């Protein structure tokens, strides 16, 4: 049965059920889903840790920086594809992530898995209108490293404009040759699988799963949750983003929220400022998505899940139990989860672009590979 038709039918069927009955059904089916979680694609059951607040030091000489907004960006990327899944009975019974797009997964020679940690590639994408003539852009690229030792659970952020060696990737035209280019071009070159292959090639890490969250359904997700609240230190007037907001607290609808995450007029206009602004909004979305007012409203849940299903891409092996465990691990870690930038320096041929700094970057990923 078509997923979206099933969601509409589910919303109609459940909207008259008592809230306490729905809550009991939700908890029972979630327990069934978790109990029946299957093996990962390596043949082993996924080892996803319970995560607590991280300590001050990870050991191993990792270049760690703590930022409260970093947790929001990573947690929200996971939460966008887990919150509704974990509470809608039909999807728990099916046992799969309701993605509009699913990629087959790796078909290339891959790094061997050395440690016990789980690595998940998270990509936030922006697909402009066909009339713009622009390709799809990877607006943020992150690696979620879920370690057996909760003090070593972290998010590794990859500068989206860093110049790297991109390997040959399958494409609609039959394939591409290896090239030197910005890493955010990989999504346009060969989709999520090309980003995945490139990250494994550059880092030497075995990446277990991949998730792309697109802005295409972002506005619908915000509207399905009744808007999202933001607090601005200064007014924003950005005609390009079709956004005009006063200083102070505002409740944004979907269109305004989309303009907010895309705007380059707020703050100092830098990539860093925009990332912080995106993270703050995503944190508020996560808070609202896990609120009882959403979880106990079946009609709203159905709308939310339909919106989510239009905006994500996952690999085939990423099931509900795995996604739920990821969200729980991040949620228990809270705002103190460690946030690590890939070491970088100005690119030798264009100092406006970054390149990975060596040997520091290689040392970081060699440590993570054995974790």
Protein backbone atom coordinates (compact mmCIF):
# COMPACT_ATOMS: atom_id res chain seq x y z
CA UNK A 1 0.00 0.00 0.00
CA UNK A 2 1.24 3.49 -0.76
CA UNK A 3 2.81 5.01 2.39
CA UNK A 4 1.12 8.38 2.08
CA UNK A 5 -2.33 6.88 1.46
CA UNK A 6 -1.81 4.66 4.48
CA UNK A 7 -0.91 7.71 6.58
CA UNK A 8 -4.06 9.55 5.53
CA UNK A 9 -6.18 6.49 6.33
CA UNK A 10 -4.36 6.11 9.65
CA UNK A 11 -5.08 9.69 10.64
CA UNK A 12 -8.79 9.27 9.89
CA UNK A 13 -8.95 5.96 11.75
CA UNK A 14 -7.20 7.21 14.88
CA UNK A 15 -8.40 10.77 15.34
CA UNK A 16 -11.47 9.66 17.34
CA UNK A 17 -9.61 7.18 19.58
CA UNK A 18 -9.15 8.09 23.29
CA UNK A 19 -5.75 9.61 24.03
CA UNK A 20 -4.94 7.10 26.80
CA UNK A 21 -5.62 4.16 24.47
CA UNK A 22 -3.38 5.65 21.79
CA UNK A 23 -0.60 6.17 24.31
CA UNK A 24 -0.78 2.54 25.46
CA UNK A 25 -0.76 1.31 21.85
CA UNK A 26 2.19 3.53 21.08
CA UNK A 27 4.26 2.25 24.02
CA UNK A 28 3.38 -1.40 23.39
CA UNK A 29 4.24 -1.29 19.69
CA UNK A 30 7.43 0.67 20.28
CA UNK A 31 8.55 -2.01 22.74
CA UNK A 32 7.75 -4.68 20.13
CA UNK A 33 9.75 -2.81 17.52
CA UNK A 34 12.79 -2.46 19.76
CA UNK A 35 12.63 -6.09 20.89
CA UNK A 36 12.57 -7.27 17.31
CA UNK A 37 15.39 -5.13 15.99
CA UNK A 38 17.33 -7.09 13.45
CA UNK A 39 20.98 -7.35 12.56
CA UNK A 40 22.80 -4.59 10.78
CA UNK A 41 24.18 -5.09 7.28
CA UNK A 42 27.42 -6.49 8.64
CA UNK A 43 25.52 -9.44 10.13
CA UNK A 44 25.79 -8.20 13.71
CA UNK A 45 23.13 -6.60 15.81
CA UNK A 46 23.58 -2.85 15.90
CA UNK A 47 25.42 -1.70 19.01
CA UNK A 48 23.94 1.65 19.85
CA UNK A 49 24.92 2.92 23.28
CA UNK A 50 22.95 4.61 25.98
CA UNK A 51 24.56 7.99 26.05
CA UNK A 52 25.13 10.23 29.04
CA UNK A 53 26.55 13.70 29.26
CA UNK A 54 30.09 13.63 27.96
CA UNK A 55 33.09 14.33 30.16
CA UNK A 56 35.54 17.11 29.58
CA UNK A 57 38.12 15.02 27.79
CA UNK A 58 37.78 12.23 25.25
CA UNK A 59 41.40 11.18 25.38
CA UNK A 60 43.35 10.28 22.28
CA UNK A 61 44.28 13.88 21.48
CA UNK A 62 41.13 14.68 19.52
CA UNK A 63 40.65 18.38 18.63
CA UNK A 64 37.42 18.78 20.59
CA UNK A 65 35.32 21.93 20.94
CA UNK A 66 32.05 22.07 22.84
CA UNK A 67 29.17 24.06 21.43
CA UNK A 68 25.59 23.91 22.65
CA UNK A 69 24.21 24.60 19.15
CA UNK A 70 26.09 21.64 17.68
CA UNK A 71 23.97 19.11 19.52
CA UNK A 72 20.86 20.72 18.10
CA UNK A 73 21.98 20.34 14.51
CA UNK A 74 22.84 16.67 14.88
CA UNK A 75 19.93 15.70 17.10
CA UNK A 76 17.38 17.39 14.90
CA UNK A 77 18.65 15.69 11.77
CA UNK A 78 18.05 12.35 13.45
CA UNK A 79 14.84 13.43 15.18
CA UNK A 80 13.27 14.55 11.93
CA UNK A 81 13.14 10.94 10.81
CA UNK A 82 12.53 9.23 14.15
CA UNK A 83 10.03 11.10 16.29
CA UNK A 84 6.96 10.37 14.23
CA UNK A 85 8.13 6.86 13.35
CA UNK A 86 8.42 5.89 16.98
CA UNK A 87 4.83 6.81 17.79
CA UNK A 88 2.74 5.90 14.74
CA UNK A 89 1.62 2.27 15.14
CA UNK A 90 1.36 1.46 11.45
CA UNK A 91 4.98 2.37 10.82
CA UNK A 92 6.20 0.43 13.84
CA UNK A 93 4.42 -2.68 12.61
CA UNK A 94 5.98 -2.29 9.16
CA UNK A 95 9.37 -1.90 10.82
CA UNK A 96 10.82 0.44 8.20
CA UNK A 97 11.66 4.11 7.90
CA UNK A 98 8.97 5.81 5.79
CA UNK A 99 11.33 7.54 3.40
CA UNK A 100 10.20 8.88 0.06
CA UNK A 101 13.61 7.84 -1.33
CA UNK A 102 15.74 4.87 -0.35
CA UNK A 103 19.23 4.20 -1.69
CA UNK A 104 20.53 0.67 -2.15
CA UNK A 105 23.66 1.33 -0.14
CA UNK A 106 27.38 0.79 -0.75
CA UNK A 107 28.48 -1.12 -3.86
CA UNK A 108 32.13 -0.04 -3.71
CA UNK A 109 35.23 -1.36 -1.95
CA UNK A 110 34.85 -0.11 1.60
CA UNK A 111 37.08 0.42 4.63
CA UNK A 112 36.98 -2.52 7.02
CA UNK A 113 35.06 -1.98 10.24
CA UNK A 114 37.66 -1.97 13.01
CA UNK A 115 35.90 -0.85 16.18
CA UNK A 116 32.46 -1.27 17.73
CA UNK A 117 31.14 2.27 17.24
CA UNK A 118 28.35 3.12 14.81
CA UNK A 119 28.97 5.90 12.27
CA UNK A 120 26.06 7.63 10.57
CA UNK A 121 26.40 10.15 7.74
CA UNK A 122 23.95 13.06 8.08
CA UNK A 123 23.40 15.39 5.12
CA UNK A 124 21.12 18.43 5.01
CA UNK A 125 20.24 19.22 1.39
CA UNK A 126 18.77 22.14 -0.50
CA UNK A 127 17.11 21.42 -3.83
CA UNK A 128 16.44 24.69 -5.71
CA UNK A 129 13.55 25.04 -8.13
CA UNK A 130 14.09 23.55 -11.62
CA UNK A 131 13.85 27.06 -13.07
CA UNK A 132 16.95 28.19 -11.19
CA UNK A 133 19.27 25.93 -13.16
CA UNK A 134 21.16 25.13 -9.96
CA UNK A 135 21.94 21.62 -8.79
CA UNK A 136 21.14 20.11 -5.40
CA UNK A 137 23.45 21.36 -2.65
CA UNK A 138 24.67 19.64 0.51
CA UNK A 139 24.10 22.48 2.96
CA UNK A 140 25.58 20.56 5.91
CA UNK A 141 27.59 17.33 6.13
CA UNK A 142 28.13 15.62 9.49
CA UNK A 143 29.22 12.27 10.86
CA UNK A 144 27.43 11.03 13.97
CA UNK A 145 29.86 8.81 15.90
CA UNK A 146 27.98 6.68 18.45
CA UNK A 147 30.62 5.07 20.63
CA UNK A 148 30.41 2.26 23.16
CA UNK A 149 32.07 4.67 25.61
CA UNK A 150 29.53 7.52 25.93
CA UNK A 151 32.33 10.00 26.62
CA UNK A 152 33.48 9.46 23.04
CA UNK A 153 30.12 9.93 21.32
CA UNK A 154 30.46 12.98 19.11
CA UNK A 155 29.45 14.78 15.95
CA UNK A 156 32.14 15.45 13.35
CA UNK A 157 31.35 18.37 11.05
CA UNK A 158 32.83 18.53 7.56
CA UNK A 159 33.25 22.01 6.04
CA UNK A 160 30.78 21.91 3.17
CA UNK A 161 32.97 23.96 0.82
CA UNK A 162 36.21 22.09 1.57
CA UNK A 163 38.15 21.10 -1.54
CA UNK A 164 38.69 17.32 -1.60
CA UNK A 165 39.39 14.44 -3.95
CA UNK A 166 35.98 13.06 -5.02
CA UNK A 167 36.13 9.44 -6.26
CA UNK A 168 34.31 8.07 -9.28
CA UNK A 169 30.58 7.99 -8.55
CA UNK A 170 27.63 6.38 -10.37
CA UNK A 171 25.46 8.99 -12.10
CA UNK A 172 22.52 9.24 -14.47
CA UNK A 173 24.98 9.62 -17.35
CA UNK A 174 26.75 6.38 -16.43
CA UNK A 175 29.40 7.53 -13.96
CA UNK A 176 31.89 10.28 -13.22
CA UNK A 177 35.68 10.42 -13.20
CA UNK A 178 37.57 11.22 -10.00
CA UNK A 179 37.93 14.96 -9.54
CA UNK A 180 39.11 17.71 -7.23
CA UNK A 181 36.08 19.74 -6.12
CA UNK A 182 34.13 21.06 -3.14
CA UNK A 183 32.63 18.23 -1.12
CA UNK A 184 29.13 19.72 -1.20
CA UNK A 185 29.08 19.01 -4.96
CA UNK A 186 28.96 15.25 -4.32
CA UNK A 187 25.21 15.28 -3.73
CA UNK A 188 24.61 16.78 -7.17
CA UNK A 189 27.17 14.49 -8.81
CA UNK A 190 25.80 11.17 -7.60
CA UNK A 191 23.28 11.61 -4.79
CA UNK A 192 23.58 10.41 -1.21
CA UNK A 193 25.65 7.38 -2.23
CA UNK A 194 28.32 9.64 -3.76
CA UNK A 195 28.56 11.65 -0.52
CA UNK A 196 28.81 8.36 1.39
CA UNK A 197 31.53 6.96 -0.88
CA UNK A 198 33.50 10.21 -0.77
CA UNK A 199 33.41 10.43 3.02
CA UNK A 200 34.55 6.81 3.39
CA UNK A 201 37.31 7.39 0.82
CA UNK A 202 38.59 10.51 2.58
CA UNK A 203 38.32 9.34 6.18
CA UNK A 204 39.02 5.61 6.02
CA UNK A 205 36.00 5.15 8.31
CA UNK A 206 33.37 2.47 7.79
CA UNK A 207 30.13 4.49 7.67
CA UNK A 208 27.25 2.24 8.74
CA UNK A 209 24.26 4.32 7.64
CA UNK A 210 23.38 7.49 5.74
CA UNK A 211 20.49 9.95 6.03
CA UNK A 212 19.68 12.96 3.85
CA UNK A 213 17.19 15.50 5.21
CA UNK A 214 15.96 17.84 2.47
CA UNK A 215 14.62 21.34 2.82
CA UNK A 216 11.94 20.39 0.28
CA UNK A 217 9.60 19.19 3.03
CA UNK A 218 10.93 21.45 5.76
CA UNK A 219 8.11 24.00 5.54
CA UNK A 220 5.48 21.26 5.70
CA UNK A 221 7.13 19.77 8.80
CA UNK A 222 7.04 23.14 10.58
CA UNK A 223 3.40 23.71 9.60
CA UNK A 224 2.46 20.20 10.75
CA UNK A 225 3.78 21.08 14.22
CA UNK A 226 1.93 24.40 14.36
CA UNK A 227 4.93 26.64 13.75
CA UNK A 228 8.24 27.12 15.51
CA UNK A 229 9.39 29.83 17.93
CA UNK A 230 12.66 31.76 17.52
CA UNK A 231 14.22 34.60 19.51
CA UNK A 232 16.16 37.14 17.45
CA UNK A 233 18.71 39.59 18.89
CA UNK A 234 18.09 41.92 15.95
CA UNK A 235 15.49 42.36 13.22
CA UNK A 236 15.91 40.54 9.89
CA UNK A 237 14.96 42.10 6.56
CA UNK A 238 16.03 39.79 3.72
CA UNK A 239 14.12 40.22 0.43
CA UNK A 240 16.03 37.34 -1.19
CA UNK A 241 14.77 34.93 1.49
CA UNK A 242 11.36 36.66 1.52
CA UNK A 243 11.82 37.16 5.23
CA UNK A 244 11.08 40.11 7.46
CA UNK A 245 11.09 39.56 11.22
CA UNK A 246 11.28 41.91 14.22
CA UNK A 247 13.77 41.59 17.06
CA UNK A 248 12.55 39.44 19.92
CA UNK A 249 10.44 36.29 19.89
CA UNK A 250 8.44 35.30 16.80
CA UNK A 251 6.48 32.18 15.86
CA UNK A 252 7.40 31.22 12.30
CA UNK A 253 5.21 29.32 9.88
CA UNK A 254 6.74 26.89 7.40
CA UNK A 255 7.56 29.43 4.70
CA UNK A 256 9.14 31.81 7.20
CA UNK A 257 11.17 29.02 8.80
CA UNK A 258 12.51 27.96 5.40
CA UNK A 259 13.55 31.53 4.66
CA UNK A 260 15.15 31.72 8.08
CA UNK A 261 17.45 28.71 7.56
CA UNK A 262 18.40 29.90 4.07
CA UNK A 263 18.94 33.58 4.85
CA UNK A 264 22.46 35.00 4.64
CA UNK A 265 21.44 38.50 5.70
CA UNK A 266 21.15 37.81 9.43
CA UNK A 267 24.10 38.22 11.76
CA UNK A 268 27.46 38.72 10.05
CA UNK A 269 26.39 36.73 6.98
CA UNK A 270 29.00 34.02 7.51
CA UNK A 271 28.52 30.27 7.12
CA UNK A 272 29.22 29.86 10.84
CA UNK A 273 26.52 32.35 11.83
CA UNK A 274 24.02 30.68 9.52
CA UNK A 275 24.85 27.24 10.94
CA UNK A 276 24.29 28.49 14.47
CA UNK A 277 20.97 30.01 13.45
CA UNK A 278 19.89 26.78 11.74
CA UNK A 279 20.87 24.77 14.82
CA UNK A 280 18.84 26.99 17.15
CA UNK A 281 15.77 26.52 14.98
CA UNK A 282 16.31 22.77 14.71
CA UNK A 283 16.61 22.50 18.49
CA UNK A 284 13.22 24.18 18.86
CA UNK A 285 11.78 21.79 16.24
CA UNK A 286 13.13 18.83 18.21
CA UNK A 287 11.58 20.18 21.41
CA UNK A 288 8.19 20.60 19.75
CA UNK A 289 8.33 17.25 17.94
CA UNK A 290 8.80 15.40 21.22
CA UNK A 291 6.15 17.38 23.11
CA UNK A 292 3.04 15.54 24.30
CA UNK A 293 0.84 17.93 22.31
CA UNK A 294 2.28 16.39 19.13
CA UNK A 295 2.77 12.79 20.27
CA UNK A 296 -0.80 12.48 21.59
CA UNK A 297 -2.48 14.06 18.55
CA UNK A 298 -2.88 11.30 15.90
CA UNK A 299 -4.08 13.65 13.18
CA UNK A 300 -1.10 15.96 13.70
CA UNK A 301 1.23 12.96 13.83
CA UNK A 302 -0.08 11.72 10.50
CA UNK A 303 0.52 15.13 8.92
CA UNK A 304 3.98 15.30 10.45
CA UNK A 305 4.98 11.85 9.24
CA UNK A 306 3.68 12.57 5.75
CA UNK A 307 5.78 15.75 5.63
CA UNK A 308 8.86 13.90 6.92
CA UNK A 309 8.42 11.13 4.35
CA UNK A 310 8.65 13.68 1.55
CA UNK A 311 11.95 15.13 2.67
CA UNK A 312 14.28 12.28 3.66
CA UNK A 313 16.47 9.72 1.94
CA UNK A 314 17.96 6.76 3.83
CA UNK A 315 19.81 3.54 3.14
CA UNK A 316 17.83 0.29 3.07
CA UNK A 317 19.37 -1.08 6.26
CA UNK A 318 18.32 1.82 8.45
CA UNK A 319 15.31 0.51 10.34
CA UNK A 320 13.01 1.97 12.98
CA UNK A 321 14.80 0.39 15.94
CA UNK A 322 18.16 1.78 14.82
CA UNK A 323 16.76 5.27 14.23
CA UNK A 324 14.97 5.28 17.57
CA UNK A 325 18.16 4.20 19.36
CA UNK A 326 20.07 7.00 17.65
CA UNK A 327 17.54 9.59 18.78
CA UNK A 328 17.54 8.24 22.34
CA UNK A 329 21.35 8.28 22.49
CA UNK A 330 21.48 11.89 21.36
CA UNK A 331 18.61 12.91 23.60
CA UNK A 332 20.24 11.46 26.72
CA UNK A 333 23.54 13.12 25.79
CA UNK A 334 21.87 16.53 25.93
CA UNK A 335 23.60 19.78 24.99
CA UNK A 336 27.02 18.62 26.18
CA UNK A 337 27.62 16.13 23.37
CA UNK A 338 31.04 16.81 21.89
CA UNK A 339 31.36 18.59 18.57
CA UNK A 340 34.49 18.17 16.47
CA UNK A 341 35.42 20.10 13.33
CA UNK A 342 37.53 18.31 10.74
CA UNK A 343 40.88 20.14 10.98
CA UNK A 344 41.21 22.53 8.05
CA UNK A 345 43.33 25.31 6.59
CA UNK A 346 42.97 27.65 3.58
CA UNK A 347 43.08 25.85 0.23
CA UNK A 348 46.42 26.46 -1.48
CA UNK A 349 44.86 27.69 -4.76
CA UNK A 350 42.03 29.75 -3.23
CA UNK A 351 42.32 31.00 0.33
CA UNK A 352 38.56 31.64 0.43
CA UNK A 353 38.02 27.87 0.44
CA UNK A 354 39.11 25.34 3.08
CA UNK A 355 41.09 22.15 2.64
CA UNK A 356 41.64 19.42 5.23
CA UNK A 357 44.74 19.97 7.31
CA UNK A 358 47.15 17.04 7.39
CA UNK A 359 48.28 15.04 9.25
CA UNK A 360 45.76 16.24 11.86
CA UNK A 361 42.68 15.13 9.90
CA UNK A 362 44.09 11.66 9.24
CA UNK A 363 44.97 11.26 12.93
CA UNK A 364 41.42 12.17 13.94
CA UNK A 365 39.82 9.56 11.69
CA UNK A 366 42.39 6.87 12.50
CA UNK A 367 41.46 7.27 16.17
CA UNK A 368 37.74 7.09 15.43
CA UNK A 369 38.14 4.03 13.20
CA UNK A 370 39.51 2.00 16.12
CA UNK A 371 36.90 3.26 18.59
